[in-house]
Amino acid sequence: MAEYKYIQELLQTGIGSEGSLLIPATIYDRLIEEVEKALIPRSEAAIYMGPAQIPGSSIDLNLFVVNSMSIRSVGEGAEIPIDVPGFSHTNVKPLKYGVRIPITREMLEDGKWNLMDQSIRYAAKKMAENETNLILVALDGAANTVTGGAAITIANITRAMQYLEDSDYKPTTMLVGPEVVNDLRNIDTFVEVNKLGSREMIAEGFVGVIYGMNVIRFSATAAPSTTYSKYAYVTDKKEAFAIAEKRPITMDEYDLVTHDMSGAVVTQRIAIALVRSSAVAKITTS
C-alpha cells in the first residue's frame, strides 16, 4: 500500500524520472495538414486554353501589333494610302509536371490514416502552388518596373498604374507578396477608417480595393523564391497572361506486385505566357 501511495505522489508532483516514465505518451490520431497557401486564381488569366483548344503539342497566340496602322489625311482626288495592321504570335508549349507516390502494402495495412488518399490530396495542392509559381515567372516579363525603397509607397503604386495607362491598358489587379502587404497595412491612407475606400481591407485581412484595383495576396513559399515577398504586380487582367493546359491535373494508380507496393502518379501539362507585357508593371522593394 505504501508503494502504491509513493507512485501516486510521483505522478501528481512529477518529481523524479520514475514519475515521468509512468505517464503514457499520447499520439494524436489525426494527420495535421499543411496550411492552405494564398494562390493566384485562374480568374486573373486573360485567356484559358484547355485540351480542346490545343490540338497539338503547342499553340500560337496571334496578336495585333500595337499601333501598326496609320490613318492619314488625304487630299481631294489624291490616292488613298495603303496600310494594313501588323501581326505577331507567341508560341505556348505546355510542359509536363508530376510526382510519383509509392506506398508499400504494409503502410496501407498498418497506417493510422489512408496514406494514399492523403498523399494524393497533398500532391494536388503542390500542383496548384506550382501554377502560381509559373504565373509569377511569366509576370516577371513585365515591360516596366518600378523600383521602390525599403517599403512600397503610394507613389510606387500610382506610377505602376500610369505605365499601364500610358499604353491604354486598365489597371484592374494588384498581386502582392507578404512583405508588400505589410507595407500597405502601414500606409495610413489605406487603414484609417475615415480615409478607407473599401472596408473589406480591414474585414478580410487586406484583400480589398486600392484605386479601383482588386488586391490579391500570394504566398511567398508558393513563389519561385522568397524574394517575391517584396514584389507587387499591377496588371490588366483582360490582357496580362494566358494559361495553356494540355492536360489537367490527372491521377493514375498503379501496382508494383514484385515489390508488394501500390502507388499513384499525379501529372499536369501546363504553360503560362504573357499576352501583352505592357499590361503588367512590376514593383520591387528592397
Protein backbone atom coordinates (compact mmCIF):
# COMPACT_ATOMS: atom_id res chain seq x y z
CA MET A 1 0.00 0.00 0.00
CA ALA A 2 2.84 2.38 0.84
CA GLU A 3 4.45 1.59 -2.51
CA TYR A 4 1.20 2.44 -4.35
CA LYS A 5 0.94 5.73 -2.45
CA TYR A 6 4.54 6.60 -3.41
CA ILE A 7 3.78 6.06 -7.11
CA GLN A 8 0.67 8.22 -6.84
CA GLU A 9 2.71 11.03 -5.33
CA LEU A 10 5.25 10.83 -8.12
CA LEU A 11 2.50 11.02 -10.74
CA GLN A 12 0.91 14.03 -9.07
CA THR A 13 4.09 16.02 -8.42
CA GLY A 14 6.14 14.94 -11.45
CA ILE A 15 9.20 14.59 -9.19
CA GLY A 16 11.84 12.13 -10.35
CA SER A 17 12.36 10.22 -13.55
CA GLU A 18 10.21 7.38 -12.25
CA GLY A 19 7.12 9.57 -12.36
CA SER A 20 7.69 10.77 -15.91
CA LEU A 21 8.19 7.21 -17.15
CA LEU A 22 4.82 6.21 -15.77
CA ILE A 23 2.98 8.94 -17.74
CA PRO A 24 1.86 7.47 -21.08
CA ALA A 25 2.53 9.36 -24.33
CA THR A 26 -0.49 10.11 -26.49
CA ILE A 27 -0.24 10.12 -30.29
CA TYR A 28 -2.77 12.43 -31.92
CA ASP A 29 -4.82 10.24 -34.25
CA ARG A 30 -5.42 12.85 -36.95
CA LEU A 31 -2.97 13.88 -39.64
CA ILE A 32 -2.36 17.64 -39.42
CA GLU A 33 -2.37 19.02 -42.96
CA GLU A 34 -0.20 21.81 -44.29
CA VAL A 35 -1.73 25.28 -44.21
CA GLU A 36 -3.64 26.42 -47.29
CA LYS A 37 -1.48 28.93 -49.14
CA ALA A 38 -2.64 32.12 -50.84
CA LEU A 39 -2.56 31.41 -54.57
CA ILE A 40 -3.30 33.44 -57.70
CA PRO A 41 -6.74 32.40 -59.01
CA ARG A 42 -7.28 31.42 -62.62
CA SER A 43 -9.88 34.14 -62.88
CA GLU A 44 -6.96 36.56 -63.26
CA ALA A 45 -5.94 34.99 -66.58
CA ALA A 46 -6.88 36.86 -69.74
CA ILE A 47 -7.19 33.57 -71.65
CA TYR A 48 -7.58 29.95 -70.56
CA MET A 49 -6.95 27.29 -73.21
CA GLY A 50 -7.85 23.73 -72.29
CA PRO A 51 -7.02 20.46 -74.07
CA ALA A 52 -9.75 21.00 -76.68
CA GLN A 53 -8.16 24.30 -77.78
CA ILE A 54 -4.64 22.79 -78.09
CA PRO A 55 -4.80 20.18 -80.90
CA GLY A 56 -1.03 19.60 -80.98
CA SER A 57 1.81 19.92 -78.51
CA SER A 58 1.67 23.73 -78.55
CA ILE A 59 -0.49 26.65 -79.60
CA ASP A 60 0.19 30.07 -81.11
CA LEU A 61 -1.29 33.23 -79.61
CA ASN A 62 -1.83 35.61 -82.52
CA LEU A 63 -1.75 39.29 -81.67
CA PHE A 64 -2.22 42.59 -83.45
CA VAL A 65 0.94 44.67 -83.33
CA VAL A 66 0.07 47.74 -81.28
CA ASN A 67 -0.33 50.95 -83.32
CA SER A 68 0.65 49.19 -86.55
CA MET A 69 -1.83 51.04 -88.80
CA SER A 70 -1.78 54.76 -89.52
CA ILE A 71 -4.69 56.95 -90.59
CA ARG A 72 -3.57 59.83 -92.83
CA SER A 73 -5.09 62.98 -94.20
CA VAL A 74 -6.00 62.59 -97.89
CA GLY A 75 -6.33 65.47 -100.29
CA GLU A 76 -9.22 65.78 -102.71
CA GLY A 77 -8.67 63.45 -105.67
CA ALA A 78 -5.45 62.05 -104.19
CA GLU A 79 -4.74 58.35 -103.96
CA ILE A 80 -5.75 56.86 -100.60
CA PRO A 81 -2.63 55.40 -98.94
CA ILE A 82 -2.39 51.68 -98.27
CA ASP A 83 -1.73 50.33 -94.81
CA VAL A 84 -2.52 47.07 -93.05
CA PRO A 85 -2.24 46.06 -89.41
CA GLY A 86 0.78 44.05 -88.29
CA PHE A 87 0.52 40.69 -86.59
CA SER A 88 2.75 38.75 -84.25
CA HIS A 89 2.47 35.44 -82.50
CA THR A 90 3.68 33.80 -79.32
CA ASN A 91 4.10 30.03 -79.22
CA VAL A 92 2.99 28.45 -75.95
CA LYS A 93 4.08 24.87 -75.30
CA PRO A 94 2.75 23.17 -72.17
CA LEU A 95 5.36 21.27 -70.15
CA LYS A 96 4.67 18.20 -68.06
CA TYR A 97 4.91 18.39 -64.27
CA GLY A 98 4.38 15.45 -61.99
CA VAL A 99 5.17 13.37 -58.95
CA ARG A 100 5.06 9.62 -58.26
CA ILE A 101 3.83 8.40 -54.88
CA PRO A 102 4.83 4.80 -53.98
CA ILE A 103 3.36 3.24 -50.83
CA THR A 104 4.01 -0.28 -49.55
CA ARG A 105 1.17 -2.62 -48.73
CA GLU A 106 2.36 -2.67 -45.11
CA MET A 107 1.98 1.10 -44.92
CA LEU A 108 -1.56 0.80 -46.25
CA GLU A 109 -2.40 -2.02 -43.84
CA ASP A 110 -0.78 -0.55 -40.74
CA GLY A 111 -1.16 3.20 -41.23
CA LYS A 112 -3.40 5.25 -38.95
CA TRP A 113 -4.63 7.20 -41.96
CA ASN A 114 -5.38 6.45 -45.60
CA LEU A 115 -1.89 7.37 -46.72
CA MET A 116 -2.68 7.11 -50.43
CA ASP A 117 -5.64 9.49 -50.31
CA GLN A 118 -3.78 11.96 -48.10
CA SER A 119 -0.70 11.89 -50.36
CA ILE A 120 -2.76 12.46 -53.50
CA ARG A 121 -4.54 15.41 -51.90
CA TYR A 122 -1.20 16.87 -50.87
CA ALA A 123 0.20 16.39 -54.39
CA ALA A 124 -2.80 18.24 -55.85
CA LYS A 125 -2.12 21.18 -53.51
CA LYS A 126 1.50 21.27 -54.65
CA MET A 127 0.37 21.28 -58.29
CA ALA A 128 -1.80 24.32 -57.56
CA GLU A 129 1.14 26.06 -55.88
CA ASN A 130 3.29 25.30 -58.94
CA GLU A 131 0.74 27.12 -61.11
CA THR A 132 1.11 30.28 -59.01
CA ASN A 133 4.89 29.84 -59.33
CA LEU A 134 4.61 29.72 -63.14
CA ILE A 135 2.31 32.77 -63.25
CA LEU A 136 4.81 34.85 -61.26
CA VAL A 137 7.69 33.77 -63.51
CA ALA A 138 5.65 34.89 -66.54
CA LEU A 139 4.76 38.23 -64.92
CA ASP A 140 8.47 38.92 -64.43
CA GLY A 141 8.49 39.66 -68.17
CA ALA A 142 6.64 42.93 -67.46
CA ALA A 143 7.56 45.72 -69.85
CA ASN A 144 8.01 48.19 -66.98
CA THR A 145 9.40 48.01 -63.45
CA VAL A 146 9.00 50.49 -60.61
CA THR A 147 11.93 50.33 -58.19
CA GLY A 148 10.80 51.18 -54.69
CA GLY A 149 12.71 51.66 -51.47
CA ALA A 150 12.55 49.76 -48.20
CA ALA A 151 8.75 49.87 -48.30
CA ILE A 152 6.21 50.33 -51.08
CA THR A 153 4.69 53.80 -51.37
CA ILE A 154 1.56 55.28 -52.87
CA ALA A 155 3.79 56.91 -55.49
CA ASN A 156 5.12 53.46 -56.49
CA ILE A 157 1.59 52.16 -56.95
CA THR A 158 0.33 55.11 -58.97
CA ARG A 159 3.45 55.06 -61.18
CA ALA A 160 2.89 51.41 -61.98
CA MET A 161 -0.73 52.21 -62.83
CA GLN A 162 0.43 55.02 -65.10
CA TYR A 163 2.72 52.66 -67.01
CA LEU A 164 -0.35 50.60 -67.95
CA GLU A 165 -2.44 53.66 -68.74
CA ASP A 166 0.32 55.08 -70.94
CA SER A 167 -0.19 52.02 -73.14
CA ASP A 168 -4.01 52.31 -72.93
CA TYR A 169 -4.48 49.40 -70.52
CA LYS A 170 -6.67 49.50 -67.44
CA PRO A 171 -5.12 48.55 -64.07
CA THR A 172 -7.56 46.01 -62.64
CA THR A 173 -5.50 43.93 -60.23
CA MET A 174 -2.60 44.26 -57.83
CA LEU A 175 -0.89 40.99 -56.90
CA VAL A 176 1.20 41.40 -53.75
CA GLY A 177 3.71 39.40 -51.72
CA PRO A 178 3.53 39.26 -47.89
CA GLU A 179 6.11 42.00 -47.25
CA VAL A 180 4.27 44.34 -49.59
CA VAL A 181 1.02 43.56 -47.78
CA ASN A 182 2.72 44.54 -44.54
CA ASP A 183 3.86 47.82 -46.12
CA LEU A 184 0.33 48.56 -47.30
CA ARG A 185 -1.08 47.91 -43.85
CA ASN A 186 1.24 50.60 -42.52
CA ILE A 187 0.17 53.29 -45.00
CA ASP A 188 -2.37 55.34 -43.08
CA THR A 189 -4.29 56.25 -46.23
CA PHE A 190 -5.43 52.63 -46.51
CA VAL A 191 -6.06 51.82 -42.85
CA GLU A 192 -7.65 54.88 -41.30
CA VAL A 193 -11.39 54.31 -41.38
CA ASN A 194 -12.19 57.89 -42.32
CA LYS A 195 -9.91 57.59 -45.38
CA LEU A 196 -10.70 54.00 -46.26
CA GLY A 197 -12.21 53.47 -49.69
CA SER A 198 -13.03 49.82 -49.02
CA ARG A 199 -13.87 48.47 -45.57
CA GLU A 200 -13.14 44.93 -46.84
CA MET A 201 -9.45 45.74 -46.45
CA ILE A 202 -9.80 45.53 -42.69
CA ALA A 203 -12.60 42.98 -42.53
CA GLU A 204 -10.93 40.47 -44.85
CA GLY A 205 -7.27 40.87 -43.94
CA PHE A 206 -6.43 43.39 -46.63
CA VAL A 207 -8.00 41.71 -49.60
CA GLY A 208 -9.79 44.77 -50.82
CA VAL A 209 -9.53 47.54 -53.36
CA ILE A 210 -6.87 50.18 -53.96
CA TYR A 211 -7.64 52.84 -56.56
CA GLY A 212 -10.21 50.51 -58.12
CA MET A 213 -7.78 47.56 -58.30
CA ASN A 214 -8.51 44.26 -56.57
CA VAL A 215 -5.68 43.41 -54.16
CA ILE A 216 -4.73 39.72 -54.15
CA ARG A 217 -2.04 38.34 -51.86
CA PHE A 218 0.13 35.44 -52.97
CA SER A 219 2.22 33.14 -50.81
CA ALA A 220 5.97 33.71 -50.82
CA THR A 221 6.54 29.99 -50.30
CA ALA A 222 4.47 29.18 -53.40
CA ALA A 223 6.52 31.70 -55.39
CA PRO A 224 9.79 30.89 -57.20
CA SER A 225 11.72 32.29 -54.22
CA THR A 226 11.06 34.18 -51.00
CA THR A 227 12.37 37.33 -52.74
CA TYR A 228 8.94 37.58 -54.35
CA SER A 229 7.60 38.52 -50.91
CA LYS A 230 8.91 42.02 -51.73
CA TYR A 231 7.24 42.23 -55.16
CA ALA A 232 3.92 43.51 -56.44
CA TYR A 233 2.43 43.32 -59.92
CA VAL A 234 -0.14 45.72 -61.34
CA THR A 235 -2.00 44.05 -64.21
CA ASP A 236 -4.84 44.44 -66.67
CA LYS A 237 -6.46 41.04 -66.20
CA LYS A 238 -8.02 41.17 -69.68
CA GLU A 239 -4.61 41.48 -71.35
CA ALA A 240 -1.88 40.23 -69.00
CA PHE A 241 -1.33 36.45 -69.17
CA ALA A 242 -2.70 33.24 -70.64
CA ILE A 243 -2.92 29.70 -69.32
CA ALA A 244 -2.48 26.79 -71.73
CA GLU A 245 -3.37 23.47 -70.09
CA LYS A 246 -2.96 20.46 -72.34
CA ARG A 247 -3.60 18.00 -69.50
CA PRO A 248 -5.49 18.97 -66.34
CA ILE A 249 -4.24 17.58 -63.04
CA THR A 250 -4.57 13.83 -63.54
CA MET A 251 -4.10 10.92 -61.14
CA ASP A 252 -3.28 7.38 -62.29
CA GLU A 253 -2.94 4.46 -59.91
CA TYR A 254 -0.56 1.54 -60.42
CA ASP A 255 0.52 -1.70 -58.69
CA LEU A 256 4.11 -2.87 -58.43
CA VAL A 257 3.49 -6.50 -57.49
CA THR A 258 7.14 -7.56 -57.34
CA HIS A 259 7.73 -5.03 -54.57
CA ASP A 260 4.35 -5.55 -52.88
CA MET A 261 3.67 -1.88 -53.45
CA SER A 262 0.94 0.39 -54.82
CA GLY A 263 1.22 3.94 -55.96
CA ALA A 264 -0.18 6.91 -57.80
CA VAL A 265 1.21 9.21 -60.45
CA VAL A 266 -0.06 12.81 -60.46
CA THR A 267 0.69 14.84 -63.60
CA GLN A 268 -0.25 18.05 -65.38
CA ARG A 269 0.78 19.64 -68.69
CA ILE A 270 0.60 23.41 -68.45
CA ALA A 271 2.29 26.64 -69.50
CA ILE A 272 1.78 30.30 -68.63
CA ALA A 273 2.60 33.05 -71.12
CA LEU A 274 2.41 36.83 -71.15
CA VAL A 275 -0.12 38.13 -73.64
CA ARG A 276 0.89 41.81 -73.51
CA SER A 277 3.98 42.71 -71.49
CA SER A 278 2.83 46.36 -71.36
CA ALA A 279 -0.27 45.21 -69.49
CA VAL A 280 1.91 44.36 -66.48
CA ALA A 281 4.05 46.61 -64.29
CA LYS A 282 6.27 45.14 -61.58
CA ILE A 283 7.02 46.94 -58.31
CA THR A 284 10.07 45.91 -56.30
CA THR A 285 11.07 46.85 -52.77
CA SER A 286 14.36 46.26 -51.01
